[in-house]
Amino acid sequence: MVERLANVWLLAISWALVLFFTFALFNPQGKKYGGRSTIDGTRWGVSPSQAESILRDFDSHGLLDEYLHQERDFDLLFPIVYSLALASALALLIRATGAPHALLALPFIGAAFDYVENLSVILATHRLQAKPPLPLGALRWTLSIGSRTKWILLISALAVIAALLVWWIVAVLARTRAVPRGVR
């Protein structure tokens, strides 16, 4: 379905939304954290011990409610936005290059793992806020697996987009060189 809907307008609108989320929502929110590392701010994902450490740091500085607000409000919508942006770019390039359609699954599977991460953060936050705080247990692991798998898939999707873009440019250049001079 995304492949049929993909056009330059969808690409432009979805990437504009990605920029809006990044700069208008997440950047101001991140400034409230005083430079603390967040689960999403750690490239390549977090280990189970890092996940718990980050959340406990937010809790000890009274920022856990603020972080929970971000996770519940902004970060539940953002995977839809960025997966649509990545998929629209992929769909246009797949159409132009004839690459396998299965590549469209990368951003959506990445978004699914982002939801695993986000829901794990929400549940872990509630466990830390319980009186007395409850141990995170397996949530540390589901959060870590969701976080790391999300990053691997999304970086893979970006790499595929870059490779398909190069493939398309090379193909266009090859076609323009193949046309005899008098025909142009």
C-alpha atoms as a PDB file:
ATOM      1  CA  MET A   1       0.000   0.000   0.000  1.00  0.00           C
ATOM      2  CA  VAL A   2       2.800   2.443   0.860  1.00  0.00           C
ATOM      3  CA  GLU A   3       4.339   1.722  -2.501  1.00  0.00           C
ATOM      4  CA  ARG A   4       1.150   2.782  -4.289  1.00  0.00           C
ATOM      5  CA  LEU A   5       0.807   5.902  -2.161  1.00  0.00           C
ATOM      6  CA  ALA A   6       4.453   6.904  -2.372  1.00  0.00           C
ATOM      7  CA  ASN A   7       5.101  10.070  -4.279  1.00  0.00           C
ATOM      8  CA  VAL A   8       7.173  13.174  -3.839  1.00  0.00           C
ATOM      9  CA  TRP A   9       4.427  14.904  -1.818  1.00  0.00           C
ATOM     10  CA  LEU A  10       4.169  12.081   0.709  1.00  0.00           C
ATOM     11  CA  LEU A  11       7.947  12.028   0.942  1.00  0.00           C
ATOM     12  CA  ALA A  12       8.098  15.794   1.562  1.00  0.00           C
ATOM     13  CA  ILE A  13       5.247  15.850   4.091  1.00  0.00           C
ATOM     14  CA  SER A  14       6.508  12.843   6.055  1.00  0.00           C
ATOM     15  CA  TRP A  15      10.069  14.202   6.235  1.00  0.00           C
ATOM     16  CA  ALA A  16       8.705  17.609   7.281  1.00  0.00           C
ATOM     17  CA  LEU A  17       6.916  15.845  10.137  1.00  0.00           C
ATOM     18  CA  VAL A  18      10.129  14.024  11.093  1.00  0.00           C
ATOM     19  CA  LEU A  19      11.910  17.390  11.260  1.00  0.00           C
ATOM     20  CA  PHE A  20       9.041  18.890  13.284  1.00  0.00           C
ATOM     21  CA  PHE A  21       9.147  16.048  15.813  1.00  0.00           C
ATOM     22  CA  THR A  22      12.930  16.220  16.033  1.00  0.00           C
ATOM     23  CA  PHE A  23      13.424  19.959  16.339  1.00  0.00           C
ATOM     24  CA  ALA A  24      10.133  21.304  17.709  1.00  0.00           C
ATOM     25  CA  LEU A  25       9.249  18.515  20.149  1.00  0.00           C
ATOM     26  CA  PHE A  26      12.235  16.370  21.069  1.00  0.00           C
ATOM     27  CA  ASN A  27      14.970  19.036  21.173  1.00  0.00           C
ATOM     28  CA  PRO A  28      13.150  21.355  23.639  1.00  0.00           C
ATOM     29  CA  GLN A  29      12.143  18.310  25.675  1.00  0.00           C
ATOM     30  CA  GLY A  30      15.745  17.093  25.721  1.00  0.00           C
ATOM     31  CA  LYS A  31      16.979  20.463  27.012  1.00  0.00           C
ATOM     32  CA  LYS A  32      14.851  19.968  30.133  1.00  0.00           C
ATOM     33  CA  TYR A  33      16.944  16.902  30.942  1.00  0.00           C
ATOM     34  CA  GLY A  34      20.116  18.918  31.519  1.00  0.00           C
ATOM     35  CA  GLY A  35      22.273  16.967  29.083  1.00  0.00           C
ATOM     36  CA  ARG A  36      21.337  13.561  30.501  1.00  0.00           C
ATOM     37  CA  SER A  37      21.413  10.642  28.125  1.00  0.00           C
ATOM     38  CA  THR A  38      18.017   9.244  27.226  1.00  0.00           C
ATOM     39  CA  ILE A  39      17.127   5.765  26.001  1.00  0.00           C
ATOM     40  CA  ASP A  40      16.544   7.159  22.489  1.00  0.00           C
ATOM     41  CA  GLY A  41      19.633   9.358  22.641  1.00  0.00           C
ATOM     42  CA  THR A  42      21.944   6.356  22.818  1.00  0.00           C
ATOM     43  CA  ARG A  43      22.866   5.273  19.301  1.00  0.00           C
ATOM     44  CA  TRP A  44      22.936   1.526  18.647  1.00  0.00           C
ATOM     45  CA  GLY A  45      20.625   1.016  21.604  1.00  0.00           C
ATOM     46  CA  VAL A  46      21.195   0.460  25.296  1.00  0.00           C
ATOM     47  CA  SER A  47      22.282  -2.511  27.349  1.00  0.00           C
ATOM     48  CA  PRO A  48      19.974  -3.737  30.126  1.00  0.00           C
ATOM     49  CA  SER A  49      22.199  -2.106  32.769  1.00  0.00           C
ATOM     50  CA  GLN A  50      22.336   1.187  30.825  1.00  0.00           C
ATOM     51  CA  ALA A  51      18.539   1.222  30.522  1.00  0.00           C
ATOM     52  CA  GLU A  52      18.055   0.844  34.257  1.00  0.00           C
ATOM     53  CA  SER A  53      20.830   3.335  35.007  1.00  0.00           C
ATOM     54  CA  ILE A  54      19.309   5.989  32.718  1.00  0.00           C
ATOM     55  CA  LEU A  55      15.856   5.610  34.245  1.00  0.00           C
ATOM     56  CA  ARG A  56      17.202   5.643  37.809  1.00  0.00           C
ATOM     57  CA  ASP A  57      19.213   8.800  36.995  1.00  0.00           C
ATOM     58  CA  PHE A  58      16.041  10.503  35.773  1.00  0.00           C
ATOM     59  CA  ASP A  59      14.234   9.336  38.901  1.00  0.00           C
ATOM     60  CA  SER A  60      16.948  10.625  41.256  1.00  0.00           C
ATOM     61  CA  HIS A  61      16.803  14.062  39.587  1.00  0.00           C
ATOM     62  CA  GLY A  62      12.989  14.271  39.633  1.00  0.00           C
ATOM     63  CA  LEU A  63      12.738  14.049  35.842  1.00  0.00           C
ATOM     64  CA  LEU A  64      11.077  10.662  35.500  1.00  0.00           C
ATOM     65  CA  ASP A  65       7.562  12.139  35.127  1.00  0.00           C
ATOM     66  CA  GLU A  66       8.829  14.447  32.372  1.00  0.00           C
ATOM     67  CA  TYR A  67      10.468  11.520  30.567  1.00  0.00           C
ATOM     68  CA  LEU A  68       7.305   9.431  30.940  1.00  0.00           C
ATOM     69  CA  HIS A  69       5.331  12.325  29.397  1.00  0.00           C
ATOM     70  CA  GLN A  70       7.681  12.304  26.379  1.00  0.00           C
ATOM     71  CA  GLU A  71       7.412   8.547  25.985  1.00  0.00           C
ATOM     72  CA  ARG A  72       3.615   8.501  26.276  1.00  0.00           C
ATOM     73  CA  ASP A  73       2.823  11.566  24.209  1.00  0.00           C
ATOM     74  CA  PHE A  74       5.476  12.152  21.551  1.00  0.00           C
ATOM     75  CA  ASP A  75       7.296   8.867  21.235  1.00  0.00           C
ATOM     76  CA  LEU A  76       4.165   6.811  20.628  1.00  0.00           C
ATOM     77  CA  LEU A  77       3.467   8.809  17.445  1.00  0.00           C
ATOM     78  CA  PHE A  78       7.016   9.258  16.167  1.00  0.00           C
ATOM     79  CA  PRO A  79       7.595   5.648  14.976  1.00  0.00           C
ATOM     80  CA  ILE A  80       4.594   5.985  12.656  1.00  0.00           C
ATOM     81  CA  VAL A  81       5.964   9.243  11.267  1.00  0.00           C
ATOM     82  CA  TYR A  82       9.550   8.128  10.644  1.00  0.00           C
ATOM     83  CA  SER A  83       8.602   4.682   9.331  1.00  0.00           C
ATOM     84  CA  LEU A  84       6.295   6.338   6.797  1.00  0.00           C
ATOM     85  CA  ALA A  85       9.057   8.776   5.806  1.00  0.00           C
ATOM     86  CA  LEU A  86      11.615   5.989   5.352  1.00  0.00           C
ATOM     87  CA  ALA A  87       9.122   3.721   3.574  1.00  0.00           C
ATOM     88  CA  SER A  88       8.074   6.455   1.150  1.00  0.00           C
ATOM     89  CA  ALA A  89      11.717   7.093   0.232  1.00  0.00           C
ATOM     90  CA  LEU A  90      12.281   3.356  -0.158  1.00  0.00           C
ATOM     91  CA  ALA A  91       9.134   2.905  -2.248  1.00  0.00           C
ATOM     92  CA  LEU A  92      10.120   5.650  -4.680  1.00  0.00           C
ATOM     93  CA  LEU A  93      13.621   4.212  -5.033  1.00  0.00           C
ATOM     94  CA  ILE A  94      12.333   0.638  -5.360  1.00  0.00           C
ATOM     95  CA  ARG A  95      10.026   1.808  -8.125  1.00  0.00           C
ATOM     96  CA  ALA A  96      12.913   3.581  -9.862  1.00  0.00           C
ATOM     97  CA  THR A  97      15.477   0.779  -9.505  1.00  0.00           C
ATOM     98  CA  GLY A  98      13.449  -2.412  -9.469  1.00  0.00           C
ATOM     99  CA  ALA A  99      14.918  -3.431  -6.087  1.00  0.00           C
ATOM    100  CA  PRO A 100      13.075  -6.094  -4.038  1.00  0.00           C
ATOM    101  CA  HIS A 101       9.823  -4.928  -2.476  1.00  0.00           C
ATOM    102  CA  ALA A 102      10.689  -6.757   0.758  1.00  0.00           C
ATOM    103  CA  LEU A 103      13.020  -3.850   1.615  1.00  0.00           C
ATOM    104  CA  LEU A 104       9.902  -1.845   2.498  1.00  0.00           C
ATOM    105  CA  ALA A 105       9.558  -3.950   5.638  1.00  0.00           C
ATOM    106  CA  LEU A 106      12.744  -2.549   7.247  1.00  0.00           C
ATOM    107  CA  PRO A 107      11.323   0.737   8.608  1.00  0.00           C
ATOM    108  CA  PHE A 108       8.070  -0.870   9.754  1.00  0.00           C
ATOM    109  CA  ILE A 109       9.808  -3.694  11.618  1.00  0.00           C
ATOM    110  CA  GLY A 110      12.144  -1.073  13.108  1.00  0.00           C
ATOM    111  CA  ALA A 111       9.110   0.917  14.259  1.00  0.00           C
ATOM    112  CA  ALA A 112       7.601  -2.218  15.816  1.00  0.00           C
ATOM    113  CA  PHE A 113      10.770  -2.671  17.871  1.00  0.00           C
ATOM    114  CA  ASP A 114      10.620   1.029  18.772  1.00  0.00           C
ATOM    115  CA  TYR A 115       7.181   0.335  20.239  1.00  0.00           C
ATOM    116  CA  VAL A 116       8.657  -2.572  22.223  1.00  0.00           C
ATOM    117  CA  GLU A 117      11.256  -0.120  23.561  1.00  0.00           C
ATOM    118  CA  ASN A 118       8.722   2.640  24.291  1.00  0.00           C
ATOM    119  CA  LEU A 119       6.229   0.384  26.039  1.00  0.00           C
ATOM    120  CA  SER A 120       9.061  -1.162  28.063  1.00  0.00           C
ATOM    121  CA  VAL A 121      10.182   2.333  29.131  1.00  0.00           C
ATOM    122  CA  ILE A 122       6.626   3.217  30.167  1.00  0.00           C
ATOM    123  CA  LEU A 123       6.207   0.003  32.165  1.00  0.00           C
ATOM    124  CA  ALA A 124       9.682   0.325  33.717  1.00  0.00           C
ATOM    125  CA  THR A 125       8.934   3.920  34.704  1.00  0.00           C
ATOM    126  CA  HIS A 126       5.733   2.856  36.439  1.00  0.00           C
ATOM    127  CA  ARG A 127       7.644   0.138  38.294  1.00  0.00           C
ATOM    128  CA  LEU A 128      10.235   2.678  39.476  1.00  0.00           C
ATOM    129  CA  GLN A 129       7.499   5.063  40.607  1.00  0.00           C
ATOM    130  CA  ALA A 130       5.697   2.396  42.640  1.00  0.00           C
ATOM    131  CA  LYS A 131       5.847   2.730  46.438  1.00  0.00           C
ATOM    132  CA  PRO A 132       8.161   0.971  47.194  1.00  0.00           C
ATOM    133  CA  PRO A 133       9.903   0.853  43.782  1.00  0.00           C
ATOM    134  CA  LEU A 134       9.640  -2.540  42.091  1.00  0.00           C
ATOM    135  CA  PRO A 135      12.589  -4.251  40.394  1.00  0.00           C
ATOM    136  CA  LEU A 136      12.684  -3.892  36.613  1.00  0.00           C
ATOM    137  CA  GLY A 137      13.569  -7.529  36.005  1.00  0.00           C
ATOM    138  CA  ALA A 138      12.950  -8.658  32.421  1.00  0.00           C
ATOM    139  CA  LEU A 139      11.815  -5.175  31.366  1.00  0.00           C
ATOM    140  CA  ARG A 140      15.483  -4.145  31.231  1.00  0.00           C
ATOM    141  CA  TRP A 141      16.028  -6.885  28.641  1.00  0.00           C
ATOM    142  CA  THR A 142      12.937  -6.184  26.523  1.00  0.00           C
ATOM    143  CA  LEU A 143      13.842  -2.490  26.557  1.00  0.00           C
ATOM    144  CA  SER A 144      17.402  -3.298  25.472  1.00  0.00           C
ATOM    145  CA  ILE A 145      16.334  -5.736  22.743  1.00  0.00           C
ATOM    146  CA  GLY A 146      13.747  -3.276  21.426  1.00  0.00           C
ATOM    147  CA  SER A 147      16.233  -0.405  21.493  1.00  0.00           C
ATOM    148  CA  ARG A 148      19.123  -2.215  19.827  1.00  0.00           C
ATOM    149  CA  THR A 149      17.013  -3.948  17.189  1.00  0.00           C
ATOM    150  CA  LYS A 150      15.263  -0.670  16.343  1.00  0.00           C
ATOM    151  CA  TRP A 151      18.571   1.088  15.735  1.00  0.00           C
ATOM    152  CA  ILE A 152      20.017  -1.764  13.672  1.00  0.00           C
ATOM    153  CA  LEU A 153      16.930  -1.862  11.425  1.00  0.00           C
ATOM    154  CA  LEU A 154      16.623   1.912  11.036  1.00  0.00           C
ATOM    155  CA  ILE A 155      20.299   2.396  10.247  1.00  0.00           C
ATOM    156  CA  SER A 156      19.979  -0.511   7.795  1.00  0.00           C
ATOM    157  CA  ALA A 157      17.000   1.220   6.171  1.00  0.00           C
ATOM    158  CA  LEU A 158      19.024   4.434   5.813  1.00  0.00           C
ATOM    159  CA  ALA A 159      21.929   2.469   4.324  1.00  0.00           C
ATOM    160  CA  VAL A 160      19.575   0.782   1.841  1.00  0.00           C
ATOM    161  CA  ILE A 161      18.138   4.188   0.882  1.00  0.00           C
ATOM    162  CA  ALA A 162      21.655   5.519   0.295  1.00  0.00           C
ATOM    163  CA  ALA A 163      22.621   2.450  -1.767  1.00  0.00           C
ATOM    164  CA  LEU A 164      19.442   2.618  -3.874  1.00  0.00           C
ATOM    165  CA  LEU A 165      19.960   6.332  -4.431  1.00  0.00           C
ATOM    166  CA  VAL A 166      23.487   5.679  -5.719  1.00  0.00           C
ATOM    167  CA  TRP A 167      22.145   2.807  -7.863  1.00  0.00           C
ATOM    168  CA  TRP A 168      19.466   5.092  -9.342  1.00  0.00           C
ATOM    169  CA  ILE A 169      21.934   7.939 -10.039  1.00  0.00           C
ATOM    170  CA  VAL A 170      24.374   5.549 -11.739  1.00  0.00           C
ATOM    171  CA  ALA A 171      21.533   4.107 -13.842  1.00  0.00           C
ATOM    172  CA  VAL A 172      20.353   7.595 -14.879  1.00  0.00           C
ATOM    173  CA  LEU A 173      23.886   8.630 -15.801  1.00  0.00           C
ATOM    174  CA  ALA A 174      24.399   5.420 -17.769  1.00  0.00           C
ATOM    175  CA  ARG A 175      21.164   6.006 -19.715  1.00  0.00           C
ATOM    176  CA  THR A 176      22.097   9.605 -20.579  1.00  0.00           C
ATOM    177  CA  ARG A 177      25.514   8.469 -21.826  1.00  0.00           C
ATOM    178  CA  ALA A 178      23.967   5.680 -23.888  1.00  0.00           C
ATOM    179  CA  VAL A 179      21.825   8.131 -25.916  1.00  0.00           C
ATOM    180  CA  PRO A 180      23.580   9.219 -29.160  1.00  0.00           C
ATOM    181  CA  ARG A 181      24.618  12.898 -29.261  1.00  0.00           C
ATOM    182  CA  GLY A 182      22.295  13.935 -32.072  1.00  0.00           C
ATOM    183  CA  VAL A 183      19.197  12.519 -30.330  1.00  0.00           C
ATOM    184  CA  ARG A 184      19.376  14.710 -27.200  1.00  0.00           C
END
